[in-house]
């Protein structure tokens, strides 16, 4: 790609050089002709060369503007490709994370069902507490042994006296 850019710039500068040399040669020839004819120089012929030069320079400006536009658009294109690739990677990671979270959720549900069936079928009195020591769950065996139901004790502390307090 760089070789193509170098070649096009090289050819462009070569064309400019030939144009300038040709313009100089034409100007010089016109000067010689008007000198041989002993006529004052005709400025209209020189004016044509100036208009031609202005047109050529405006074409050069357009050429460089297009080159710059192509360069800017290609850099923007690269940035957009990078952003699209990053978005695709993010979406893939999100899908994998969602699948992993769904699998973990299903595993937790199975484990919860297993422990719930264990609590319901156990003949031992089982109580689960939150971090503040308040009742979250009482097993049916606990209700049979102590007489307190889950509705009565949920969110409260069980009024047990520890053995070290009895002494």
Foldseek 3Di string as FASTA:
>chain_A
DVVVVVVVVVVVVVVVVVLVVVLVVVVVVQVVVCVVVVHPRDVVVVVVSVVVVVVVVVVVVVVVVVVVVVVVVVVVVVVVVVVVVVVVVVVVVVVVVVVVVVVVVVVVVVVVVVVVVVLAPDLDWDFDADPVQATDDTYVNVCVVPVDDCVRGGRHHDPDDDPVNVD
